[in-house]
Amino acid sequence: MSTLHDPKNQNLIAHQNSKIKNARVLLSVMLATYALVACSPTVKIEPPDKPIVINLNVKIEHEIKIKVDKELDQLLSDDELF
């Protein structure tokens, strides 16, 4: 007759306890992973409602200065002026 103190039964009980512990650890890891994934923030990229306006006044002003400088150079290089 087998009893709880029999070495074969103790090995079987230890093996079953080991499986239960492994299942608990696996379940805990799965729950922790699910909780971390469920709490992660969501990043949304949306276009703005209004169009983007870029002020090009600086560029236009720069072109005007270059044109005026060229005209002045031509005017000053004219020998008849002086």
N, C-alpha and C. Protein backbone atom coordinates (compact mmCIF):
# COMPACT_ATOMS: atom_id res chain seq x y z
N MET A 1 0.83 -1.17 0.00
CA MET A 1 0.00 0.00 0.00
C MET A 1 0.89 1.25 0.00
N SER A 2 0.53 2.28 -0.83
CA SER A 2 1.36 3.46 -0.91
C SER A 2 0.83 4.53 0.04
N THR A 3 1.76 5.30 0.55
CA THR A 3 1.42 6.38 1.48
C THR A 3 2.04 7.67 0.98
N LEU A 4 1.75 8.74 1.68
CA LEU A 4 2.32 10.02 1.30
C LEU A 4 3.82 10.09 1.55
N HIS A 5 4.29 9.24 2.46
CA HIS A 5 5.71 9.26 2.81
C HIS A 5 6.54 8.38 1.89
N ASP A 6 5.91 7.72 0.96
CA ASP A 6 6.61 6.87 0.01
C ASP A 6 7.43 7.77 -0.92
N PRO A 7 8.69 7.47 -1.19
CA PRO A 7 9.55 8.32 -2.04
C PRO A 7 8.96 8.55 -3.43
N LYS A 8 8.29 7.55 -3.99
CA LYS A 8 7.70 7.72 -5.33
C LYS A 8 6.59 8.77 -5.28
N ASN A 9 5.77 8.71 -4.26
CA ASN A 9 4.69 9.69 -4.12
C ASN A 9 5.24 11.09 -3.84
N GLN A 10 6.29 11.17 -3.07
CA GLN A 10 6.87 12.47 -2.77
C GLN A 10 7.45 13.12 -4.03
N ASN A 11 8.07 12.30 -4.89
CA ASN A 11 8.59 12.82 -6.15
C ASN A 11 7.44 13.30 -7.04
N LEU A 12 6.34 12.55 -7.07
CA LEU A 12 5.18 12.93 -7.86
C LEU A 12 4.56 14.23 -7.34
N ILE A 13 4.45 14.34 -6.02
CA ILE A 13 3.89 15.55 -5.40
C ILE A 13 4.81 16.74 -5.67
N ALA A 14 6.11 16.55 -5.55
CA ALA A 14 7.07 17.62 -5.81
C ALA A 14 7.00 18.06 -7.27
N HIS A 15 6.84 17.09 -8.17
CA HIS A 15 6.74 17.41 -9.59
C HIS A 15 5.46 18.20 -9.87
N GLN A 16 4.35 17.81 -9.26
CA GLN A 16 3.09 18.53 -9.45
C GLN A 16 3.17 19.94 -8.86
N ASN A 17 3.79 20.05 -7.69
CA ASN A 17 3.97 21.38 -7.10
C ASN A 17 4.83 22.28 -7.98
N SER A 18 5.84 21.68 -8.60
CA SER A 18 6.71 22.43 -9.51
C SER A 18 5.92 22.94 -10.71
N LYS A 19 5.05 22.10 -11.26
CA LYS A 19 4.22 22.51 -12.39
C LYS A 19 3.27 23.63 -12.00
N ILE A 20 2.70 23.53 -10.80
CA ILE A 20 1.79 24.57 -10.32
C ILE A 20 2.53 25.89 -10.15
N LYS A 21 3.74 25.83 -9.59
CA LYS A 21 4.55 27.05 -9.41
C LYS A 21 4.89 27.66 -10.77
N ASN A 22 5.28 26.81 -11.74
CA ASN A 22 5.61 27.31 -13.08
C ASN A 22 4.40 27.95 -13.74
N ALA A 23 3.23 27.35 -13.55
CA ALA A 23 2.01 27.90 -14.12
C ALA A 23 1.67 29.25 -13.48
N ARG A 24 1.87 29.37 -12.18
CA ARG A 24 1.61 30.63 -11.49
C ARG A 24 2.57 31.73 -11.97
N VAL A 25 3.84 31.37 -12.12
CA VAL A 25 4.83 32.34 -12.60
C VAL A 25 4.48 32.77 -14.02
N LEU A 26 4.14 31.81 -14.87
CA LEU A 26 3.78 32.13 -16.25
C LEU A 26 2.54 33.03 -16.29
N LEU A 27 1.54 32.72 -15.49
CA LEU A 27 0.33 33.53 -15.43
C LEU A 27 0.65 34.94 -14.93
N SER A 28 1.50 35.05 -13.93
CA SER A 28 1.89 36.36 -13.41
C SER A 28 2.62 37.19 -14.47
N VAL A 29 3.52 36.56 -15.19
CA VAL A 29 4.26 37.25 -16.25
C VAL A 29 3.31 37.70 -17.36
N MET A 30 2.37 36.84 -17.72
CA MET A 30 1.41 37.19 -18.76
C MET A 30 0.53 38.36 -18.32
N LEU A 31 0.07 38.35 -17.10
CA LEU A 31 -0.77 39.44 -16.59
C LEU A 31 0.02 40.75 -16.52
N ALA A 32 1.27 40.68 -16.07
CA ALA A 32 2.10 41.88 -15.99
C ALA A 32 2.35 42.45 -17.39
N THR A 33 2.62 41.58 -18.34
CA THR A 33 2.85 42.03 -19.72
C THR A 33 1.58 42.67 -20.29
N TYR A 34 0.45 42.05 -20.05
CA TYR A 34 -0.82 42.60 -20.53
C TYR A 34 -1.08 43.97 -19.90
N ALA A 35 -0.80 44.10 -18.62
CA ALA A 35 -1.02 45.38 -17.94
C ALA A 35 -0.11 46.46 -18.51
N LEU A 36 1.15 46.12 -18.79
CA LEU A 36 2.08 47.11 -19.36
C LEU A 36 1.66 47.53 -20.76
N VAL A 37 1.22 46.57 -21.55
CA VAL A 37 0.81 46.88 -22.93
C VAL A 37 -0.48 47.69 -22.92
N ALA A 38 -1.39 47.36 -22.03
CA ALA A 38 -2.68 48.06 -21.98
C ALA A 38 -2.51 49.50 -21.50
N CYS A 39 -1.51 49.77 -20.73
CA CYS A 39 -1.30 51.12 -20.19
C CYS A 39 -0.37 51.97 -21.03
N SER A 40 0.13 51.45 -22.13
CA SER A 40 1.07 52.23 -22.93
C SER A 40 0.33 53.35 -23.66
N PRO A 41 0.95 54.52 -23.77
CA PRO A 41 0.28 55.65 -24.41
C PRO A 41 0.19 55.46 -25.93
N THR A 42 -0.80 56.07 -26.53
CA THR A 42 -0.99 56.00 -27.97
C THR A 42 -0.56 57.33 -28.57
N VAL A 43 0.27 57.26 -29.59
CA VAL A 43 0.76 58.47 -30.25
C VAL A 43 0.01 58.60 -31.58
N LYS A 44 -0.64 59.74 -31.77
CA LYS A 44 -1.37 59.98 -33.01
C LYS A 44 -0.73 61.17 -33.73
N ILE A 45 -0.53 61.01 -35.02
CA ILE A 45 0.02 62.09 -35.84
C ILE A 45 -1.10 62.53 -36.78
N GLU A 46 -1.53 63.76 -36.63
CA GLU A 46 -2.61 64.29 -37.45
C GLU A 46 -2.16 65.58 -38.11
N PRO A 47 -2.62 65.83 -39.34
CA PRO A 47 -2.27 67.10 -39.99
C PRO A 47 -3.00 68.24 -39.30
N PRO A 48 -2.44 69.43 -39.34
CA PRO A 48 -3.11 70.58 -38.69
C PRO A 48 -4.38 70.96 -39.44
N ASP A 49 -5.30 71.60 -38.72
CA ASP A 49 -6.56 72.04 -39.32
C ASP A 49 -6.33 73.20 -40.29
N LYS A 50 -5.45 74.11 -39.93
CA LYS A 50 -5.16 75.27 -40.76
C LYS A 50 -3.90 75.00 -41.58
N PRO A 51 -3.79 75.60 -42.77
CA PRO A 51 -2.58 75.39 -43.57
C PRO A 51 -1.36 76.05 -42.91
N ILE A 52 -0.22 75.51 -43.21
CA ILE A 52 1.03 76.04 -42.68
C ILE A 52 1.44 77.25 -43.54
N VAL A 53 1.70 78.37 -42.91
CA VAL A 53 2.07 79.60 -43.61
C VAL A 53 3.56 79.85 -43.38
N ILE A 54 4.28 80.01 -44.48
CA ILE A 54 5.71 80.32 -44.39
C ILE A 54 5.91 81.73 -44.91
N ASN A 55 6.46 82.58 -44.08
CA ASN A 55 6.68 83.97 -44.45
C ASN A 55 7.96 84.07 -45.26
N LEU A 56 7.83 84.51 -46.52
CA LEU A 56 8.99 84.60 -47.40
C LEU A 56 9.48 86.03 -47.61
N ASN A 57 9.07 86.93 -46.76
CA ASN A 57 9.47 88.33 -46.92
C ASN A 57 10.98 88.49 -46.89
N VAL A 58 11.66 87.73 -46.11
CA VAL A 58 13.11 87.85 -46.00
C VAL A 58 13.77 87.50 -47.32
N LYS A 59 13.30 86.47 -47.94
CA LYS A 59 13.89 86.04 -49.21
C LYS A 59 13.64 87.09 -50.29
N ILE A 60 12.45 87.62 -50.37
CA ILE A 60 12.12 88.63 -51.37
C ILE A 60 12.96 89.88 -51.14
N GLU A 61 13.10 90.30 -49.90
CA GLU A 61 13.90 91.47 -49.59
C GLU A 61 15.35 91.25 -50.00
N HIS A 62 15.84 90.07 -49.80
CA HIS A 62 17.21 89.74 -50.16
C HIS A 62 17.40 89.84 -51.68
N GLU A 63 16.44 89.36 -52.44
CA GLU A 63 16.54 89.44 -53.90
C GLU A 63 16.53 90.89 -54.36
N ILE A 64 15.73 91.71 -53.74
CA ILE A 64 15.67 93.12 -54.10
C ILE A 64 17.01 93.80 -53.84
N LYS A 65 17.62 93.49 -52.72
CA LYS A 65 18.93 94.09 -52.41
C LYS A 65 19.97 93.68 -53.45
N ILE A 66 19.93 92.46 -53.87
CA ILE A 66 20.91 92.00 -54.87
C ILE A 66 20.69 92.74 -56.19
N LYS A 67 19.45 92.90 -56.59
CA LYS A 67 19.16 93.60 -57.84
C LYS A 67 19.60 95.07 -57.77
N VAL A 68 19.33 95.72 -56.66
CA VAL A 68 19.73 97.12 -56.50
C VAL A 68 21.26 97.23 -56.50
N ASP A 69 21.93 96.30 -55.84
CA ASP A 69 23.39 96.32 -55.84
C ASP A 69 23.95 96.16 -57.25
N LYS A 70 23.36 95.31 -58.05
CA LYS A 70 23.84 95.12 -59.42
C LYS A 70 23.61 96.39 -60.24
N GLU A 71 22.45 96.99 -60.05
CA GLU A 71 22.17 98.22 -60.80
C GLU A 71 23.13 99.33 -60.38
N LEU A 72 23.42 99.43 -59.10
CA LEU A 72 24.36 100.44 -58.63
C LEU A 72 25.76 100.19 -59.18
N ASP A 73 26.17 98.96 -59.23
CA ASP A 73 27.48 98.63 -59.80
C ASP A 73 27.56 99.05 -61.26
N GLN A 74 26.50 98.79 -61.99
CA GLN A 74 26.49 99.18 -63.40
C GLN A 74 26.54 100.70 -63.54
N LEU A 75 25.76 101.37 -62.70
CA LEU A 75 25.72 102.82 -62.75
C LEU A 75 27.06 103.43 -62.40
N LEU A 76 27.70 102.92 -61.36
CA LEU A 76 28.99 103.45 -60.93
C LEU A 76 30.11 103.09 -61.89
N SER A 77 29.96 102.01 -62.59
CA SER A 77 31.02 101.65 -63.55
C SER A 77 30.95 102.47 -64.83
N ASP A 78 29.85 103.17 -64.99
CA ASP A 78 29.70 104.04 -66.17
C ASP A 78 30.67 105.23 -66.03
N ASP A 79 31.55 105.41 -66.99
CA ASP A 79 32.55 106.48 -66.94
C ASP A 79 31.93 107.86 -67.17
N GLU A 80 30.85 107.93 -67.83
CA GLU A 80 30.23 109.22 -68.15
C GLU A 80 29.60 109.87 -66.93
N LEU A 81 29.37 109.07 -65.90
CA LEU A 81 28.72 109.60 -64.71
C LEU A 81 29.61 110.61 -64.01
N PHE A 82 30.90 110.38 -63.97
CA PHE A 82 31.80 111.30 -63.24
C PHE A 82 32.50 112.17 -64.20
